[in-house]
Amino acid sequence: MSLETDLRFPIGKLERKSRLTPDERAEAIAAIAAAPAELRAAVEGLSEEQLDTPYRPGGWTVRQLAHHVPDSHMNAYIRLKLALTEERPRIKPYDQDGWARLADTSNTPVEVSLTLLEALHYRWLELLQAMKPGEFERTLDHPELGEVTLDSLVGLYAWHGRHHVAHVTRLREREGW
């Protein structure tokens, strides 16, 4: 594995699973629950200059990551709700790089997105914890990925939070912050 690959995927690449065991699902939901506090801890005490440091050459800045996580997780939460209330809804992907370059990313304090992530995850967890096992088999239609189960979505976003937190914590380790 090259250094660039290590920096891009600090916890490894996502291993997609369409079905999770009850234990895997519980672990994934616990990871989603932990993500807001972990992201907050990862960025705590960083200066404006440090927030504007890319986590890897050619990568997003810490600030962009801090705003990206709630952007992405809002999309996941809405997709989950669509799949619970519609039959195999076709969802719309979004331009993550484009979103990361918008003014709200560069002009909004990171604290706003950390608070947003906490509130969002509160709602998301209420929903996840109320779901019956069979509901995790419901699907949505992703134009790039095809049929995606809600189990797969939960697994993806458990990984996603850990993935971006590791970008920040590994950068802090490398830079001695």
N, C-alpha and C. Protein backbone atom coordinates (compact mmCIF):
# COMPACT_ATOMS: atom_id res chain seq x y z
N MET A 1 0.85 -1.18 0.00
CA MET A 1 0.00 0.00 0.00
C MET A 1 0.90 1.24 0.00
N SER A 2 0.62 2.18 -0.87
CA SER A 2 1.43 3.39 -0.95
C SER A 2 1.06 4.35 0.17
N LEU A 3 1.93 5.32 0.42
CA LEU A 3 1.66 6.34 1.42
C LEU A 3 0.38 7.08 1.08
N GLU A 4 0.18 7.40 -0.18
CA GLU A 4 -1.03 8.12 -0.61
C GLU A 4 -2.28 7.31 -0.27
N THR A 5 -2.24 6.00 -0.51
CA THR A 5 -3.38 5.15 -0.19
C THR A 5 -3.61 5.13 1.31
N ASP A 6 -2.56 5.03 2.10
CA ASP A 6 -2.70 5.05 3.56
C ASP A 6 -3.36 6.34 4.02
N LEU A 7 -2.94 7.46 3.47
CA LEU A 7 -3.50 8.75 3.87
C LEU A 7 -4.95 8.89 3.42
N ARG A 8 -5.27 8.34 2.29
CA ARG A 8 -6.63 8.45 1.77
C ARG A 8 -7.61 7.54 2.52
N PHE A 9 -7.14 6.36 2.90
CA PHE A 9 -7.99 5.38 3.58
C PHE A 9 -7.34 4.93 4.89
N PRO A 10 -7.32 5.81 5.89
CA PRO A 10 -6.57 5.50 7.12
C PRO A 10 -7.12 4.32 7.91
N ILE A 11 -8.37 3.95 7.71
CA ILE A 11 -8.91 2.77 8.40
C ILE A 11 -9.20 1.65 7.39
N GLY A 12 -8.69 1.81 6.17
CA GLY A 12 -8.95 0.83 5.12
C GLY A 12 -10.18 1.21 4.32
N LYS A 13 -10.30 0.58 3.16
CA LYS A 13 -11.46 0.83 2.30
C LYS A 13 -12.70 0.16 2.87
N LEU A 14 -13.83 0.73 2.55
CA LEU A 14 -15.11 0.18 2.98
C LEU A 14 -15.31 -1.21 2.39
N GLU A 15 -15.73 -2.13 3.24
CA GLU A 15 -16.14 -3.46 2.78
C GLU A 15 -17.66 -3.50 2.85
N ARG A 16 -18.28 -3.34 1.68
CA ARG A 16 -19.75 -3.28 1.62
C ARG A 16 -20.35 -4.65 1.91
N LYS A 17 -21.40 -4.62 2.74
CA LYS A 17 -22.17 -5.82 3.02
C LYS A 17 -23.64 -5.44 2.85
N SER A 18 -24.38 -6.24 2.11
CA SER A 18 -25.80 -5.92 1.92
C SER A 18 -26.64 -6.34 3.13
N ARG A 19 -26.15 -7.30 3.91
CA ARG A 19 -26.86 -7.75 5.11
C ARG A 19 -25.87 -7.76 6.28
N LEU A 20 -26.32 -7.22 7.40
CA LEU A 20 -25.51 -7.24 8.61
C LEU A 20 -26.14 -8.22 9.59
N THR A 21 -25.30 -8.88 10.38
CA THR A 21 -25.83 -9.70 11.47
C THR A 21 -26.36 -8.75 12.54
N PRO A 22 -27.16 -9.23 13.45
CA PRO A 22 -27.62 -8.34 14.53
C PRO A 22 -26.45 -7.70 15.30
N ASP A 23 -25.39 -8.44 15.55
CA ASP A 23 -24.23 -7.88 16.24
C ASP A 23 -23.52 -6.83 15.39
N GLU A 24 -23.35 -7.11 14.10
CA GLU A 24 -22.72 -6.13 13.20
C GLU A 24 -23.57 -4.86 13.12
N ARG A 25 -24.88 -5.03 13.07
CA ARG A 25 -25.78 -3.87 13.00
C ARG A 25 -25.66 -3.05 14.28
N ALA A 26 -25.65 -3.71 15.41
CA ALA A 26 -25.52 -2.99 16.69
C ALA A 26 -24.19 -2.24 16.76
N GLU A 27 -23.12 -2.86 16.27
CA GLU A 27 -21.82 -2.19 16.25
C GLU A 27 -21.84 -0.98 15.32
N ALA A 28 -22.48 -1.12 14.17
CA ALA A 28 -22.56 -0.01 13.22
C ALA A 28 -23.37 1.14 13.80
N ILE A 29 -24.48 0.83 14.45
CA ILE A 29 -25.30 1.88 15.05
C ILE A 29 -24.53 2.56 16.18
N ALA A 30 -23.77 1.79 16.94
CA ALA A 30 -22.94 2.38 18.00
C ALA A 30 -21.88 3.31 17.41
N ALA A 31 -21.32 2.94 16.27
CA ALA A 31 -20.33 3.80 15.60
C ALA A 31 -20.97 5.10 15.12
N ILE A 32 -22.19 5.00 14.60
CA ILE A 32 -22.92 6.21 14.19
C ILE A 32 -23.18 7.09 15.41
N ALA A 33 -23.56 6.47 16.52
CA ALA A 33 -23.82 7.22 17.75
C ALA A 33 -22.57 7.95 18.23
N ALA A 34 -21.42 7.33 18.07
CA ALA A 34 -20.17 7.89 18.58
C ALA A 34 -19.56 8.96 17.68
N ALA A 35 -19.96 8.99 16.43
CA ALA A 35 -19.31 9.86 15.44
C ALA A 35 -19.29 11.35 15.81
N PRO A 36 -20.39 11.94 16.27
CA PRO A 36 -20.32 13.37 16.58
C PRO A 36 -19.27 13.71 17.65
N ALA A 37 -19.24 12.94 18.72
CA ALA A 37 -18.27 13.22 19.79
C ALA A 37 -16.84 12.97 19.30
N GLU A 38 -16.66 11.95 18.48
CA GLU A 38 -15.33 11.64 17.96
C GLU A 38 -14.84 12.74 17.03
N LEU A 39 -15.73 13.26 16.18
CA LEU A 39 -15.32 14.34 15.28
C LEU A 39 -15.02 15.60 16.09
N ARG A 40 -15.85 15.90 17.07
CA ARG A 40 -15.62 17.07 17.92
C ARG A 40 -14.25 16.96 18.60
N ALA A 41 -13.95 15.80 19.16
CA ALA A 41 -12.66 15.60 19.84
C ALA A 41 -11.50 15.72 18.85
N ALA A 42 -11.69 15.23 17.63
CA ALA A 42 -10.62 15.26 16.63
C ALA A 42 -10.24 16.69 16.24
N VAL A 43 -11.21 17.59 16.19
CA VAL A 43 -10.92 18.97 15.75
C VAL A 43 -10.72 19.94 16.92
N GLU A 44 -10.98 19.46 18.13
CA GLU A 44 -10.90 20.34 19.30
C GLU A 44 -9.52 20.99 19.42
N GLY A 45 -9.53 22.29 19.63
CA GLY A 45 -8.30 23.03 19.88
C GLY A 45 -7.49 23.39 18.64
N LEU A 46 -7.97 23.03 17.47
CA LEU A 46 -7.23 23.38 16.26
C LEU A 46 -7.38 24.86 15.94
N SER A 47 -6.30 25.46 15.49
CA SER A 47 -6.32 26.86 15.08
C SER A 47 -6.97 26.98 13.71
N GLU A 48 -7.26 28.21 13.30
CA GLU A 48 -7.82 28.45 11.97
C GLU A 48 -6.87 27.92 10.90
N GLU A 49 -5.58 28.15 11.09
CA GLU A 49 -4.58 27.66 10.13
C GLU A 49 -4.58 26.14 10.06
N GLN A 50 -4.68 25.50 11.20
CA GLN A 50 -4.71 24.03 11.22
C GLN A 50 -5.99 23.51 10.56
N LEU A 51 -7.12 24.19 10.81
CA LEU A 51 -8.38 23.78 10.17
C LEU A 51 -8.29 23.90 8.65
N ASP A 52 -7.46 24.80 8.17
CA ASP A 52 -7.32 25.00 6.73
C ASP A 52 -6.17 24.18 6.13
N THR A 53 -5.70 23.19 6.86
CA THR A 53 -4.64 22.29 6.39
C THR A 53 -5.27 21.06 5.75
N PRO A 54 -4.85 20.69 4.55
CA PRO A 54 -5.36 19.45 3.94
C PRO A 54 -4.87 18.23 4.74
N TYR A 55 -5.73 17.23 4.85
CA TYR A 55 -5.35 16.03 5.59
C TYR A 55 -4.36 15.16 4.81
N ARG A 56 -4.25 15.41 3.52
CA ARG A 56 -3.27 14.74 2.67
C ARG A 56 -3.02 15.63 1.46
N PRO A 57 -1.90 15.44 0.77
CA PRO A 57 -1.67 16.24 -0.45
C PRO A 57 -2.83 16.06 -1.44
N GLY A 58 -3.40 17.17 -1.87
CA GLY A 58 -4.51 17.12 -2.82
C GLY A 58 -5.85 16.80 -2.18
N GLY A 59 -5.88 16.65 -0.87
CA GLY A 59 -7.12 16.31 -0.18
C GLY A 59 -7.82 17.53 0.38
N TRP A 60 -8.98 17.27 0.96
CA TRP A 60 -9.74 18.34 1.59
C TRP A 60 -9.03 18.83 2.84
N THR A 61 -9.40 20.03 3.27
CA THR A 61 -8.88 20.54 4.52
C THR A 61 -9.68 19.95 5.68
N VAL A 62 -9.15 20.10 6.88
CA VAL A 62 -9.87 19.65 8.07
C VAL A 62 -11.22 20.38 8.14
N ARG A 63 -11.23 21.65 7.83
CA ARG A 63 -12.48 22.43 7.83
C ARG A 63 -13.49 21.81 6.85
N GLN A 64 -13.04 21.49 5.65
CA GLN A 64 -13.94 20.88 4.67
C GLN A 64 -14.47 19.54 5.18
N LEU A 65 -13.61 18.74 5.80
CA LEU A 65 -14.06 17.46 6.36
C LEU A 65 -15.12 17.67 7.44
N ALA A 66 -14.88 18.65 8.31
CA ALA A 66 -15.80 18.90 9.42
C ALA A 66 -17.18 19.32 8.91
N HIS A 67 -17.23 19.99 7.79
CA HIS A 67 -18.53 20.37 7.21
C HIS A 67 -19.09 19.25 6.33
N HIS A 68 -18.21 18.46 5.71
CA HIS A 68 -18.64 17.37 4.84
C HIS A 68 -19.39 16.29 5.60
N VAL A 69 -18.92 15.94 6.78
CA VAL A 69 -19.54 14.83 7.50
C VAL A 69 -21.04 15.08 7.74
N PRO A 70 -21.45 16.24 8.31
CA PRO A 70 -22.90 16.43 8.44
C PRO A 70 -23.62 16.55 7.10
N ASP A 71 -22.98 17.14 6.09
CA ASP A 71 -23.61 17.18 4.76
C ASP A 71 -23.93 15.77 4.29
N SER A 72 -22.95 14.90 4.38
CA SER A 72 -23.11 13.53 3.92
C SER A 72 -24.12 12.77 4.77
N HIS A 73 -24.03 12.95 6.09
CA HIS A 73 -24.92 12.21 6.98
C HIS A 73 -26.36 12.70 6.89
N MET A 74 -26.56 13.98 6.55
CA MET A 74 -27.93 14.46 6.30
C MET A 74 -28.52 13.73 5.10
N ASN A 75 -27.71 13.58 4.06
CA ASN A 75 -28.18 12.84 2.89
C ASN A 75 -28.53 11.41 3.26
N ALA A 76 -27.69 10.77 4.07
CA ALA A 76 -27.95 9.39 4.48
C ALA A 76 -29.24 9.28 5.29
N TYR A 77 -29.44 10.21 6.20
CA TYR A 77 -30.64 10.20 7.04
C TYR A 77 -31.90 10.34 6.17
N ILE A 78 -31.86 11.25 5.22
CA ILE A 78 -33.00 11.44 4.32
C ILE A 78 -33.22 10.20 3.46
N ARG A 79 -32.13 9.61 2.98
CA ARG A 79 -32.25 8.40 2.17
C ARG A 79 -32.88 7.27 2.98
N LEU A 80 -32.48 7.14 4.24
CA LEU A 80 -33.05 6.13 5.11
C LEU A 80 -34.56 6.34 5.26
N LYS A 81 -34.96 7.58 5.50
CA LYS A 81 -36.38 7.88 5.67
C LYS A 81 -37.15 7.62 4.38
N LEU A 82 -36.54 7.96 3.25
CA LEU A 82 -37.20 7.67 1.97
C LEU A 82 -37.41 6.17 1.81
N ALA A 83 -36.39 5.39 2.11
CA ALA A 83 -36.49 3.93 1.95
C ALA A 83 -37.49 3.32 2.93
N LEU A 84 -37.70 3.95 4.07
CA LEU A 84 -38.68 3.44 5.03
C LEU A 84 -40.11 3.81 4.66
N THR A 85 -40.28 4.81 3.82
CA THR A 85 -41.64 5.30 3.52
C THR A 85 -42.05 5.13 2.06
N GLU A 86 -41.11 4.69 1.21
CA GLU A 86 -41.40 4.48 -0.21
C GLU A 86 -40.82 3.13 -0.62
N GLU A 87 -41.36 2.59 -1.69
CA GLU A 87 -40.82 1.34 -2.21
C GLU A 87 -39.64 1.62 -3.14
N ARG A 88 -38.48 1.18 -2.73
CA ARG A 88 -37.23 1.29 -3.51
C ARG A 88 -37.09 2.66 -4.18
N PRO A 89 -37.05 3.73 -3.40
CA PRO A 89 -36.92 5.06 -3.99
C PRO A 89 -35.59 5.22 -4.71
N ARG A 90 -35.61 5.95 -5.79
CA ARG A 90 -34.37 6.28 -6.51
C ARG A 90 -33.84 7.57 -5.88
N ILE A 91 -32.64 7.50 -5.36
CA ILE A 91 -32.08 8.67 -4.70
C ILE A 91 -31.15 9.42 -5.65
N LYS A 92 -30.84 10.63 -5.27
CA LYS A 92 -29.99 11.49 -6.09
C LYS A 92 -28.62 11.63 -5.42
N PRO A 93 -27.57 11.26 -6.13
CA PRO A 93 -26.23 11.54 -5.61
C PRO A 93 -25.97 13.04 -5.64
N TYR A 94 -24.91 13.48 -4.98
CA TYR A 94 -24.57 14.89 -5.00
C TYR A 94 -23.07 15.04 -5.20
N ASP A 95 -22.65 16.18 -5.66
CA ASP A 95 -21.25 16.49 -5.94
C ASP A 95 -20.55 16.90 -4.65
N GLN A 96 -19.95 15.93 -3.96
CA GLN A 96 -19.32 16.18 -2.67
C GLN A 96 -18.20 17.21 -2.78
N ASP A 97 -17.40 17.12 -3.82
CA ASP A 97 -16.31 18.09 -4.00
C ASP A 97 -16.87 19.49 -4.23
N GLY A 98 -17.94 19.58 -5.01
CA GLY A 98 -18.58 20.87 -5.23
C GLY A 98 -19.14 21.44 -3.94
N TRP A 99 -19.78 20.61 -3.14
CA TRP A 99 -20.32 21.07 -1.87
C TRP A 99 -19.18 21.56 -0.97
N ALA A 100 -18.05 20.85 -0.98
CA ALA A 100 -16.91 21.22 -0.11
C ALA A 100 -16.31 22.57 -0.50
N ARG A 101 -16.57 23.02 -1.72
CA ARG A 101 -16.03 24.31 -2.18
C ARG A 101 -17.02 25.47 -2.03
N LEU A 102 -18.24 25.20 -1.58
CA LEU A 102 -19.23 26.27 -1.44
C LEU A 102 -18.91 27.19 -0.27
N ALA A 103 -19.47 28.39 -0.32
CA ALA A 103 -19.17 29.43 0.67
C ALA A 103 -19.52 29.01 2.10
N ASP A 104 -20.58 28.22 2.28
CA ASP A 104 -20.92 27.85 3.66
C ASP A 104 -19.84 26.99 4.30
N THR A 105 -19.06 26.29 3.48
CA THR A 105 -17.96 25.49 4.01
C THR A 105 -16.80 26.38 4.45
N SER A 106 -16.48 27.37 3.66
CA SER A 106 -15.35 28.23 4.01
C SER A 106 -15.70 29.31 5.01
N ASN A 107 -16.97 29.74 5.07
CA ASN A 107 -17.36 30.87 5.90
C ASN A 107 -18.02 30.51 7.23
N THR A 108 -18.49 29.30 7.37
CA THR A 108 -19.22 28.91 8.58
C THR A 108 -18.25 28.33 9.60
N PRO A 109 -18.35 28.76 10.86
CA PRO A 109 -17.50 28.16 11.89
C PRO A 109 -17.74 26.65 11.98
N VAL A 110 -16.69 25.91 12.22
CA VAL A 110 -16.78 24.45 12.34
C VAL A 110 -17.76 24.06 13.44
N GLU A 111 -17.84 24.85 14.49
CA GLU A 111 -18.76 24.57 15.60
C GLU A 111 -20.19 24.39 15.12
N VAL A 112 -20.60 25.15 14.13
CA VAL A 112 -21.97 25.04 13.61
C VAL A 112 -22.20 23.64 13.06
N SER A 113 -21.26 23.11 12.30
CA SER A 113 -21.43 21.78 11.73
C SER A 113 -21.31 20.69 12.79
N LEU A 114 -20.49 20.91 13.81
CA LEU A 114 -20.40 19.93 14.90
C LEU A 114 -21.73 19.84 15.65
N THR A 115 -22.35 20.98 15.89
CA THR A 115 -23.66 21.02 16.55
C THR A 115 -24.73 20.40 15.66
N LEU A 116 -24.68 20.72 14.38
CA LEU A 116 -25.62 20.13 13.42
C LEU A 116 -25.49 18.60 13.43
N LEU A 117 -24.27 18.10 13.42
CA LEU A 117 -24.04 16.65 13.41
C LEU A 117 -24.61 16.00 14.68
N GLU A 118 -24.42 16.64 15.82
CA GLU A 118 -24.97 16.11 17.07
C GLU A 118 -26.49 16.03 17.02
N ALA A 119 -27.13 17.10 16.56
CA ALA A 119 -28.60 17.11 16.48
C ALA A 119 -29.10 16.10 15.46
N LEU A 120 -28.45 16.04 14.32
CA LEU A 120 -28.83 15.09 13.28
C LEU A 120 -28.72 13.65 13.78
N HIS A 121 -27.61 13.33 14.42
CA HIS A 121 -27.41 11.97 14.89
C HIS A 121 -28.39 11.61 16.01
N TYR A 122 -28.80 12.59 16.79
CA TYR A 122 -29.83 12.33 17.80
C TYR A 122 -31.09 11.80 17.12
N ARG A 123 -31.54 12.51 16.09
CA ARG A 123 -32.75 12.10 15.35
C ARG A 123 -32.52 10.76 14.65
N TRP A 124 -31.37 10.62 14.00
CA TRP A 124 -31.06 9.42 13.24
C TRP A 124 -31.07 8.20 14.15
N LEU A 125 -30.48 8.34 15.34
CA LEU A 125 -30.43 7.22 16.26
C LEU A 125 -31.81 6.85 16.80
N GLU A 126 -32.65 7.85 17.03
CA GLU A 126 -34.03 7.57 17.43
C GLU A 126 -34.70 6.66 16.40
N LEU A 127 -34.48 6.97 15.14
CA LEU A 127 -35.07 6.18 14.06
C LEU A 127 -34.44 4.80 13.97
N LEU A 128 -33.11 4.73 13.95
CA LEU A 128 -32.42 3.45 13.83
C LEU A 128 -32.79 2.50 14.97
N GLN A 129 -32.87 3.02 16.18
CA GLN A 129 -33.15 2.17 17.34
C GLN A 129 -34.60 1.70 17.37
N ALA A 130 -35.48 2.40 16.67
CA ALA A 130 -36.89 2.01 16.62
C ALA A 130 -37.18 1.03 15.47
N MET A 131 -36.23 0.87 14.56
CA MET A 131 -36.47 0.01 13.40
C MET A 131 -36.51 -1.46 13.79
N LYS A 132 -37.37 -2.21 13.12
CA LYS A 132 -37.45 -3.65 13.30
C LYS A 132 -36.42 -4.30 12.37
N PRO A 133 -35.91 -5.48 12.73
CA PRO A 133 -34.87 -6.12 11.92
C PRO A 133 -35.19 -6.20 10.43
N GLY A 134 -36.43 -6.53 10.08
CA GLY A 134 -36.80 -6.65 8.67
C GLY A 134 -36.72 -5.34 7.91
N GLU A 135 -36.85 -4.22 8.60
CA GLU A 135 -36.80 -2.93 7.94
C GLU A 135 -35.39 -2.63 7.38
N PHE A 136 -34.39 -3.23 7.97
CA PHE A 136 -33.02 -3.01 7.47
C PHE A 136 -32.79 -3.69 6.12
N GLU A 137 -33.74 -4.54 5.71
CA GLU A 137 -33.66 -5.19 4.40
C GLU A 137 -34.30 -4.34 3.31
N ARG A 138 -35.01 -3.28 3.67
CA ARG A 138 -35.61 -2.40 2.68
C ARG A 138 -34.48 -1.81 1.82
N THR A 139 -34.83 -1.40 0.62
CA THR A 139 -33.80 -0.95 -0.32
C THR A 139 -34.12 0.41 -0.91
N LEU A 140 -33.06 1.00 -1.44
CA LEU A 140 -33.19 2.21 -2.25
C LEU A 140 -32.38 1.96 -3.51
N ASP A 141 -32.67 2.74 -4.52
CA ASP A 141 -31.99 2.61 -5.81
C ASP A 141 -31.01 3.76 -5.95
N HIS A 142 -29.74 3.42 -5.92
CA HIS A 142 -28.68 4.42 -6.07
C HIS A 142 -28.20 4.37 -7.52
N PRO A 143 -28.22 5.51 -8.24
CA PRO A 143 -27.85 5.50 -9.66
C PRO A 143 -26.45 4.96 -9.94
N GLU A 144 -25.53 5.07 -8.97
CA GLU A 144 -24.16 4.60 -9.19
C GLU A 144 -23.91 3.22 -8.58
N LEU A 145 -24.66 2.86 -7.54
CA LEU A 145 -24.40 1.61 -6.81
C LEU A 145 -25.46 0.54 -7.02
N GLY A 146 -26.59 0.92 -7.63
CA GLY A 146 -27.68 -0.03 -7.80
C GLY A 146 -28.50 -0.15 -6.52
N GLU A 147 -29.02 -1.35 -6.27
CA GLU A 147 -29.86 -1.58 -5.11
C GLU A 147 -29.00 -1.58 -3.84
N VAL A 148 -29.39 -0.78 -2.87
CA VAL A 148 -28.67 -0.65 -1.61
C VAL A 148 -29.65 -0.93 -0.48
N THR A 149 -29.31 -1.88 0.39
CA THR A 149 -30.16 -2.15 1.55
C THR A 149 -29.88 -1.12 2.64
N LEU A 150 -30.82 -0.99 3.55
CA LEU A 150 -30.59 -0.09 4.68
C LEU A 150 -29.50 -0.63 5.58
N ASP A 151 -29.33 -1.95 5.67
CA ASP A 151 -28.18 -2.51 6.38
C ASP A 151 -26.88 -1.99 5.77
N SER A 152 -26.79 -2.01 4.45
CA SER A 152 -25.59 -1.53 3.76
C SER A 152 -25.37 -0.04 4.03
N LEU A 153 -26.45 0.73 4.02
CA LEU A 153 -26.36 2.17 4.29
C LEU A 153 -25.82 2.41 5.70
N VAL A 154 -26.33 1.67 6.67
CA VAL A 154 -25.88 1.81 8.05
C VAL A 154 -24.40 1.44 8.16
N GLY A 155 -24.00 0.36 7.52
CA GLY A 155 -22.59 -0.04 7.53
C GLY A 155 -21.69 1.01 6.90
N LEU A 156 -22.15 1.58 5.79
CA LEU A 156 -21.38 2.61 5.10
C LEU A 156 -21.16 3.82 6.01
N TYR A 157 -22.20 4.29 6.67
CA TYR A 157 -22.06 5.51 7.45
C TYR A 157 -21.38 5.28 8.79
N ALA A 158 -21.40 4.07 9.30
CA ALA A 158 -20.57 3.74 10.46
C ALA A 158 -19.10 3.89 10.06
N TRP A 159 -18.75 3.34 8.89
CA TRP A 159 -17.39 3.45 8.38
C TRP A 159 -17.06 4.91 8.06
N HIS A 160 -17.98 5.63 7.45
CA HIS A 160 -17.75 6.99 6.97
C HIS A 160 -17.31 7.92 8.10
N GLY A 161 -18.01 7.87 9.22
CA GLY A 161 -17.64 8.72 10.35
C GLY A 161 -16.24 8.39 10.86
N ARG A 162 -15.96 7.11 11.05
CA ARG A 162 -14.62 6.68 11.53
C ARG A 162 -13.54 7.07 10.53
N HIS A 163 -13.84 6.94 9.25
CA HIS A 163 -12.91 7.25 8.16
C HIS A 163 -12.45 8.70 8.23
N HIS A 164 -13.41 9.63 8.35
CA HIS A 164 -13.04 11.05 8.36
C HIS A 164 -12.44 11.49 9.69
N VAL A 165 -12.88 10.92 10.78
CA VAL A 165 -12.23 11.21 12.06
C VAL A 165 -10.76 10.79 11.99
N ALA A 166 -10.51 9.63 11.41
CA ALA A 166 -9.12 9.15 11.28
C ALA A 166 -8.29 10.06 10.38
N HIS A 167 -8.90 10.67 9.37
CA HIS A 167 -8.16 11.64 8.56
C HIS A 167 -7.60 12.73 9.45
N VAL A 168 -8.43 13.25 10.34
CA VAL A 168 -8.02 14.35 11.20
C VAL A 168 -7.03 13.88 12.26
N THR A 169 -7.32 12.77 12.91
CA THR A 169 -6.44 12.32 13.99
C THR A 169 -5.07 11.90 13.46
N ARG A 170 -5.04 11.31 12.28
CA ARG A 170 -3.73 10.92 11.71
C ARG A 170 -2.94 12.16 11.30
N LEU A 171 -3.63 13.18 10.77
CA LEU A 171 -2.95 14.43 10.44
C LEU A 171 -2.38 15.05 11.71
N ARG A 172 -3.15 15.07 12.76
CA ARG A 172 -2.67 15.63 14.03
C ARG A 172 -1.43 14.87 14.52
N GLU A 173 -1.46 13.56 14.39
CA GLU A 173 -0.29 12.76 14.78
C GLU A 173 0.92 13.10 13.94
N ARG A 174 0.74 13.18 12.62
CA ARG A 174 1.86 13.46 11.72
C ARG A 174 2.44 14.85 11.98
N GLU A 175 1.57 15.81 12.29
CA GLU A 175 2.00 17.20 12.46
C GLU A 175 2.39 17.51 13.91
N GLY A 176 2.14 16.59 14.81
CA GLY A 176 2.44 16.82 16.22
C GLY A 176 1.53 17.85 16.89
N TRP A 177 0.28 17.94 16.44
CA TRP A 177 -0.67 18.90 16.99
C TRP A 177 -1.32 18.36 18.24
